[in-house]
Amino acid sequence: MRRKVVVLVVGVLLLAGVGTAAVRYAADRADRRNQEQADGPPVREGSVTLQPAGRQLLLRNLAWGPHRDEVAAVPADHPDGPRTASGVKCLRFHAAAGTGICLQAEHGALDDTYHASVLDASLHETRRFPAPGIPTRARVSPSGRLVGWTVFVSGDSYAGTDFSTRTAIVDTRSWQFYDNLETFQVLRDGRPVQASDLNVWGTTFAADDNRFYATVATGGQTYLVQGDLAARTLTTLHQNVECPSLSPDGTRIAYKKRVAGADPAAPWRLYVLDLATMAETATAEQRNIDDQALWADGRTLLYSLPGDYGSDLWTVPADGTGAPAVLVRSAVAPAYLG
């Protein structure tokens, strides 16, 4: 009888072990299948370069799966196709001419900290700089020489007034670090502005690697400013301009504008400013835009809107004609290369 009981117990244990192993195997297969078949286009790890042979669109991939939040590449003429993931994760990203800027988080036991990594053409870090807050904007100059970024030191939205930003620029040739653009002299109507409530955010660079544009906020107003790195000045040009983006020919600024009568939590519409005449053109996009738009070319703007997995990328003509159209699902922080 004792022998029969032992055989029975052993048999039950074997069956339990086989059952457990089968469940784990099925769960592992399902997990791998879910990761490989994540929502959106196929995403596979591979080689990503900032100097591609053809024109490519780089972006932060938001499709669910093992490569979520990684910088990924797709052919510019097939943006909804399979993505090649780089393995490099960024909260904010931009690149030009073989230089990239990647704003990243370091998760600590009690709190997160952040830094800005300057990347080479192979997406390897060349220098790292402290970022004293939550990443929000990032840009590289057309030549790849200058990189700039903005973080929230306090708050996490531009919609209210109870936030503080910090904007920095780095020259990747000399490694000169302008760690806080609020120390630059602000000029309005040719006169210095003295203000304790100054905020600067959203840099965009001209081709000469000295001039740049940004938003300055003070006294409850926002201004488009033209920055001069050599002179360390910020000169106001136009009111009610946020998150500017300079066109490839350097003649226009795409930006988000607060419009009268809009919901205070969603106040912005996408506009284009002619720098020669200061004439404003409203785009056909009538939804709230909380992004620094990117010029896909001289005629088309690319920007993010909330989507099922965080954000989708949309396009609209810059001249006020046409209609918005979705370009890429599950993506944010785009950059065109090549």
Protein backbone atom coordinates (compact mmCIF):
# COMPACT_ATOMS: atom_id res chain seq x y z
CA MET A 1 0.00 0.00 0.00
CA ARG A 2 2.83 2.37 0.92
CA ARG A 3 4.46 1.71 -2.48
CA LYS A 4 1.21 2.57 -4.29
CA VAL A 5 0.88 5.82 -2.36
CA VAL A 6 4.44 6.80 -3.26
CA VAL A 7 3.84 6.04 -6.95
CA LEU A 8 0.62 8.06 -6.84
CA VAL A 9 2.31 11.05 -5.21
CA VAL A 10 5.18 10.95 -7.68
CA GLY A 11 2.73 10.79 -10.56
CA VAL A 12 0.77 13.77 -9.27
CA LEU A 13 3.97 15.77 -8.83
CA LEU A 14 5.14 14.93 -12.34
CA LEU A 15 1.80 15.94 -13.83
CA ALA A 16 1.84 19.18 -11.85
CA GLY A 17 5.35 19.93 -13.05
CA VAL A 18 4.44 19.21 -16.66
CA GLY A 19 1.34 21.38 -16.34
CA THR A 20 3.28 24.25 -14.82
CA ALA A 21 5.94 24.04 -17.50
CA ALA A 22 3.28 23.98 -20.22
CA VAL A 23 1.55 27.04 -18.79
CA ARG A 24 4.83 28.92 -18.53
CA TYR A 25 5.81 27.93 -22.07
CA ALA A 26 2.45 29.07 -23.44
CA ALA A 27 2.68 32.33 -21.48
CA ASP A 28 6.20 32.99 -22.73
CA ARG A 29 5.16 32.29 -26.31
CA ALA A 30 2.14 34.57 -25.96
CA ASP A 31 4.28 37.30 -24.45
CA ARG A 32 6.83 37.04 -27.24
CA ARG A 33 4.07 36.96 -29.85
CA ASN A 34 2.42 40.01 -28.31
CA GLN A 35 5.72 41.85 -28.33
CA GLU A 36 6.56 40.90 -31.90
CA GLN A 37 3.02 41.65 -33.06
CA ALA A 38 2.71 44.91 -31.15
CA ASP A 39 0.07 47.41 -32.15
CA GLY A 40 1.09 49.41 -35.18
CA PRO A 41 3.68 48.56 -37.80
CA PRO A 42 6.27 45.81 -37.27
CA VAL A 43 9.26 47.01 -35.23
CA ARG A 44 12.55 45.14 -35.36
CA GLU A 45 15.93 45.95 -33.86
CA GLY A 46 18.62 46.86 -36.37
CA SER A 47 21.22 49.40 -37.42
CA VAL A 48 20.11 53.06 -37.34
CA THR A 49 22.34 55.89 -38.49
CA LEU A 50 22.02 59.66 -38.50
CA GLN A 51 23.66 59.73 -41.95
CA PRO A 52 21.41 57.42 -43.98
CA ALA A 53 21.94 56.64 -47.66
CA GLY A 54 18.39 57.76 -48.53
CA ARG A 55 15.88 60.09 -46.91
CA GLN A 56 14.57 58.68 -43.68
CA LEU A 57 12.19 59.70 -40.92
CA LEU A 58 13.47 59.06 -37.41
CA LEU A 59 11.05 59.09 -34.49
CA ARG A 60 10.46 57.92 -30.96
CA ASN A 61 8.54 54.69 -31.39
CA LEU A 62 5.41 54.44 -29.21
CA ALA A 63 4.08 51.12 -30.56
CA TRP A 64 3.64 48.61 -27.73
CA GLY A 65 6.36 46.00 -27.54
CA PRO A 66 10.01 45.57 -26.56
CA HIS A 67 11.11 48.61 -28.60
CA ARG A 68 8.68 51.18 -27.22
CA ASP A 69 10.34 54.57 -26.60
CA GLU A 70 13.34 53.71 -28.78
CA VAL A 71 14.53 55.90 -31.63
CA ALA A 72 13.42 54.13 -34.80
CA ALA A 73 13.82 54.76 -38.53
CA VAL A 74 11.46 54.37 -41.49
CA PRO A 75 11.87 55.36 -45.13
CA ALA A 76 10.50 58.89 -45.57
CA ASP A 77 8.43 57.78 -48.56
CA HIS A 78 6.94 54.84 -46.63
CA PRO A 79 6.41 56.21 -43.11
CA ASP A 80 3.78 53.63 -42.13
CA GLY A 81 6.07 50.72 -43.04
CA PRO A 82 8.22 48.49 -40.80
CA ARG A 83 10.38 50.35 -38.29
CA THR A 84 14.01 49.71 -37.48
CA ALA A 85 14.60 50.27 -33.76
CA SER A 86 17.98 51.49 -32.57
CA GLY A 87 17.96 50.30 -28.97
CA VAL A 88 18.41 53.92 -27.80
CA LYS A 89 15.54 55.21 -25.66
CA CYS A 90 14.74 58.94 -25.54
CA LEU A 91 11.96 61.01 -24.03
CA ARG A 92 12.72 63.76 -26.55
CA PHE A 93 14.85 63.43 -29.67
CA HIS A 94 15.97 65.38 -32.71
CA ALA A 95 18.81 65.08 -35.20
CA ALA A 96 20.42 66.79 -38.19
CA ALA A 97 23.63 66.38 -40.21
CA GLY A 98 24.92 63.41 -38.23
CA THR A 99 24.30 64.90 -34.75
CA GLY A 100 21.52 63.86 -32.40
CA ILE A 101 20.16 65.10 -29.09
CA CYS A 102 18.48 62.60 -26.77
CA LEU A 103 16.82 63.63 -23.50
CA GLN A 104 16.72 60.66 -21.16
CA ALA A 105 15.51 59.70 -17.69
CA GLU A 106 17.44 57.92 -14.97
CA HIS A 107 15.04 56.09 -12.66
CA GLY A 108 16.12 56.26 -9.03
CA ALA A 109 14.75 54.63 -5.91
CA LEU A 110 13.02 57.81 -4.78
CA ASP A 111 12.88 60.05 -7.84
CA ASP A 112 13.77 60.35 -11.51
CA THR A 113 16.61 62.51 -12.80
CA TYR A 114 17.26 63.59 -16.38
CA HIS A 115 20.14 64.35 -18.70
CA ALA A 116 20.80 65.40 -22.28
CA SER A 117 23.01 63.14 -24.40
CA VAL A 118 24.67 64.42 -27.57
CA LEU A 119 24.82 61.54 -30.06
CA ASP A 120 27.11 60.88 -33.01
CA ALA A 121 26.00 59.45 -36.35
CA SER A 122 25.99 55.92 -34.89
CA LEU A 123 23.80 57.05 -31.96
CA HIS A 124 26.69 56.71 -29.54
CA GLU A 125 26.87 59.25 -26.74
CA THR A 126 29.68 61.78 -27.15
CA ARG A 127 28.86 64.12 -24.27
CA ARG A 128 26.31 64.20 -21.45
CA PHE A 129 24.88 67.30 -19.75
CA PRO A 130 22.59 67.64 -16.73
CA ALA A 131 18.95 68.46 -17.37
CA PRO A 132 17.28 69.83 -14.23
CA GLY A 133 13.71 68.80 -15.04
CA ILE A 134 11.22 66.97 -17.24
CA PRO A 135 12.21 67.05 -20.96
CA THR A 136 9.84 68.91 -23.25
CA ARG A 137 11.64 70.25 -26.40
CA ALA A 138 14.81 69.38 -28.35
CA ARG A 139 16.38 70.67 -31.58
CA VAL A 140 19.62 70.38 -33.61
CA SER A 141 20.81 73.10 -35.99
CA PRO A 142 20.82 72.30 -39.75
CA SER A 143 24.62 71.88 -39.73
CA GLY A 144 24.56 69.61 -36.68
CA ARG A 145 26.82 71.99 -34.76
CA LEU A 146 24.36 73.37 -32.20
CA VAL A 147 21.95 71.40 -30.03
CA GLY A 148 19.30 72.88 -27.76
CA TRP A 149 16.75 71.55 -25.31
CA THR A 150 14.11 72.70 -22.84
CA VAL A 151 12.95 71.07 -19.61
CA PHE A 152 10.27 71.85 -17.04
CA VAL A 153 12.02 72.77 -13.79
CA SER A 154 8.58 72.99 -12.19
CA GLY A 155 5.18 72.13 -13.61
CA ASP A 156 4.62 69.92 -16.63
CA SER A 157 2.43 71.94 -18.99
CA TYR A 158 2.55 75.27 -20.82
CA ALA A 159 -1.21 75.74 -20.48
CA GLY A 160 -1.12 77.54 -17.13
CA THR A 161 1.24 80.08 -15.61
CA ASP A 162 2.62 78.05 -12.70
CA PHE A 163 5.56 76.49 -14.52
CA SER A 164 9.24 77.22 -14.91
CA THR A 165 11.50 76.16 -17.77
CA ARG A 166 15.23 75.89 -18.35
CA THR A 167 16.64 76.05 -21.88
CA ALA A 168 20.22 75.22 -22.80
CA ILE A 169 22.36 75.23 -25.95
CA VAL A 170 25.64 73.38 -26.61
CA ASP A 171 28.16 74.02 -29.37
CA THR A 172 29.36 70.53 -30.35
CA ARG A 173 32.61 71.85 -31.87
CA SER A 174 33.90 73.83 -28.89
CA TRP A 175 31.61 72.16 -26.31
CA GLN A 176 30.70 75.58 -24.98
CA PHE A 177 27.66 75.09 -22.77
CA TYR A 178 25.06 77.86 -22.48
CA ASP A 179 23.24 76.24 -19.57
CA ASN A 180 20.48 78.82 -19.07
CA LEU A 181 19.26 81.21 -21.77
CA GLU A 182 17.49 83.27 -19.10
CA THR A 183 20.91 84.82 -18.40
CA PHE A 184 20.92 86.39 -21.90
CA GLN A 185 19.90 90.05 -22.21
CA VAL A 186 16.31 90.43 -23.42
CA LEU A 187 15.73 93.46 -25.68
CA ARG A 188 12.28 94.85 -26.46
CA ASP A 189 11.97 97.88 -28.74
CA GLY A 190 15.73 98.29 -28.40
CA ARG A 191 15.61 98.53 -24.61
CA PRO A 192 16.75 95.97 -22.03
CA VAL A 193 14.00 94.12 -20.21
CA GLN A 194 14.49 93.46 -16.50
CA ALA A 195 12.11 90.76 -15.29
CA SER A 196 12.16 88.23 -12.46
CA ASP A 197 9.48 86.01 -14.06
CA LEU A 198 11.39 85.26 -17.28
CA ASN A 199 10.96 81.88 -19.00
CA VAL A 200 12.62 80.75 -22.26
CA TRP A 201 11.70 77.66 -24.25
CA GLY A 202 11.58 76.00 -27.67
CA THR A 203 14.78 76.81 -29.60
CA THR A 204 15.03 76.55 -33.40
CA PHE A 205 18.25 77.34 -35.27
CA ALA A 206 19.20 79.39 -38.33
CA ALA A 207 21.78 78.17 -40.84
CA ASP A 208 24.60 80.45 -39.61
CA ASP A 209 25.02 78.63 -36.25
CA ASN A 210 24.70 81.87 -34.34
CA ARG A 211 21.10 83.05 -34.75
CA PHE A 212 18.27 81.10 -33.22
CA TYR A 213 14.63 81.69 -32.33
CA ALA A 214 12.78 80.84 -29.13
CA THR A 215 9.83 81.81 -26.95
CA VAL A 216 10.24 84.24 -24.07
CA ALA A 217 7.46 84.66 -21.51
CA THR A 218 7.25 87.55 -19.07
CA GLY A 219 4.47 89.63 -17.58
CA GLY A 220 1.81 87.18 -18.74
CA GLN A 221 2.81 87.58 -22.42
CA THR A 222 4.77 85.36 -24.78
CA TYR A 223 7.12 86.67 -27.47
CA LEU A 224 9.03 85.29 -30.40
CA VAL A 225 12.66 86.27 -29.85
CA GLN A 226 15.67 86.17 -32.13
CA GLY A 227 18.70 84.97 -30.22
CA ASP A 228 22.32 85.86 -30.86
CA LEU A 229 24.77 83.44 -29.26
CA ALA A 230 27.83 85.64 -29.76
CA ALA A 231 26.13 88.70 -28.27
CA ARG A 232 24.10 86.70 -25.71
CA THR A 233 20.94 88.61 -26.53
CA LEU A 234 17.26 87.77 -27.10
CA THR A 235 15.42 90.37 -29.18
CA THR A 236 11.61 90.33 -29.24
CA LEU A 237 9.99 90.19 -32.69
CA HIS A 238 6.31 89.29 -32.30
CA GLN A 239 3.78 88.60 -29.56
CA ASN A 240 1.82 85.40 -28.85
CA VAL A 241 4.30 82.94 -30.33
CA GLU A 242 5.18 79.64 -28.64
CA CYS A 243 7.43 76.74 -29.65
CA PRO A 244 8.75 78.26 -32.91
CA SER A 245 10.10 76.19 -35.78
CA LEU A 246 12.11 77.85 -38.56
CA SER A 247 11.38 76.89 -42.17
CA PRO A 248 14.18 75.34 -44.26
CA ASP A 249 14.63 78.60 -46.21
CA GLY A 250 14.76 80.66 -43.01
CA THR A 251 11.83 82.92 -43.96
CA ARG A 252 8.92 81.61 -41.87
CA ILE A 253 8.20 80.42 -38.37
CA ALA A 254 5.65 77.71 -37.59
CA TYR A 255 4.33 78.05 -34.05
CA LYS A 256 1.44 77.47 -31.70
CA LYS A 257 -0.70 80.51 -30.94
CA ARG A 258 -3.16 81.06 -28.11
CA VAL A 259 -6.51 81.94 -29.65
CA ALA A 260 -9.30 83.94 -28.05
CA GLY A 261 -12.27 81.96 -26.77
CA ALA A 262 -10.47 78.61 -26.68
CA ASP A 263 -10.54 76.25 -23.71
CA PRO A 264 -7.82 77.48 -21.30
CA ALA A 265 -6.56 73.91 -21.04
CA ALA A 266 -6.35 73.58 -24.84
CA PRO A 267 -5.70 77.11 -26.13
CA TRP A 268 -3.32 76.64 -29.07
CA ARG A 269 -3.76 76.51 -32.83
CA LEU A 270 -1.03 76.02 -35.44
CA TYR A 271 0.05 79.17 -37.31
CA VAL A 272 2.84 80.30 -39.63
CA LEU A 273 4.55 83.70 -39.36
CA ASP A 274 6.28 85.44 -42.28
CA LEU A 275 9.44 86.96 -40.78
CA ALA A 276 9.70 89.70 -43.41
CA THR A 277 6.15 91.05 -43.05
CA MET A 278 5.09 89.57 -39.67
CA ALA A 279 1.89 88.39 -41.40
CA GLU A 280 0.23 85.43 -39.69
CA THR A 281 -1.39 82.51 -41.52
CA ALA A 282 -3.65 80.06 -39.72
CA THR A 283 -3.23 76.47 -40.89
CA ALA A 284 -6.18 74.20 -41.61
CA GLU A 285 -5.52 72.31 -38.36
CA GLN A 286 -8.24 73.42 -35.94
CA ARG A 287 -7.40 71.12 -33.03
CA ASN A 288 -5.28 72.06 -30.04
CA ILE A 289 -1.57 71.71 -30.83
CA ASP A 290 0.84 71.38 -27.92
CA ASP A 291 4.00 70.60 -29.87
CA GLN A 292 6.95 72.19 -31.62
CA ALA A 293 6.01 71.52 -35.23
CA LEU A 294 8.62 70.24 -37.68
CA TRP A 295 8.94 71.34 -41.31
CA ALA A 296 8.79 68.15 -43.39
CA ASP A 297 9.78 70.32 -46.37
CA GLY A 298 9.16 73.92 -47.45
CA ARG A 299 5.41 73.36 -47.75
CA THR A 300 4.36 70.85 -45.08
CA LEU A 301 4.28 70.85 -41.28
CA LEU A 302 4.56 67.73 -39.13
CA TYR A 303 3.29 67.69 -35.54
CA SER A 304 1.94 65.36 -32.86
CA LEU A 305 -1.56 64.87 -31.53
CA PRO A 306 -2.77 62.48 -28.82
CA GLY A 307 -3.28 58.93 -30.08
CA ASP A 308 -4.27 55.50 -28.79
CA TYR A 309 -0.71 54.71 -27.67
CA GLY A 310 0.40 58.16 -26.64
CA SER A 311 0.81 60.19 -29.82
CA ASP A 312 0.39 60.13 -33.60
CA LEU A 313 2.12 62.32 -36.18
CA TRP A 314 -0.01 64.47 -38.50
CA THR A 315 0.71 66.77 -41.43
CA VAL A 316 -0.92 69.93 -42.76
CA PRO A 317 0.07 72.44 -45.48
CA ALA A 318 1.87 75.50 -44.14
CA ASP A 319 0.00 77.98 -46.38
CA GLY A 320 -3.45 77.53 -44.81
CA THR A 321 -4.84 75.31 -47.57
CA GLY A 322 -5.70 71.62 -47.54
CA ALA A 323 -6.61 69.52 -44.54
CA PRO A 324 -4.80 67.68 -41.75
CA ALA A 325 -3.81 64.08 -42.46
CA VAL A 326 -2.32 61.40 -40.24
CA LEU A 327 1.16 60.35 -41.32
CA VAL A 328 2.41 57.94 -38.65
CA ARG A 329 0.62 56.22 -35.79
CA SER A 330 2.23 55.60 -32.40
CA ALA A 331 5.13 58.03 -32.75
CA VAL A 332 6.47 61.35 -31.53
CA ALA A 333 9.66 63.50 -31.75
CA PRO A 334 10.32 63.21 -35.53
CA ALA A 335 13.41 64.20 -37.50
CA TYR A 336 13.97 64.01 -41.27
CA LEU A 337 17.44 62.98 -42.40
CA GLY A 338 19.05 62.56 -45.81
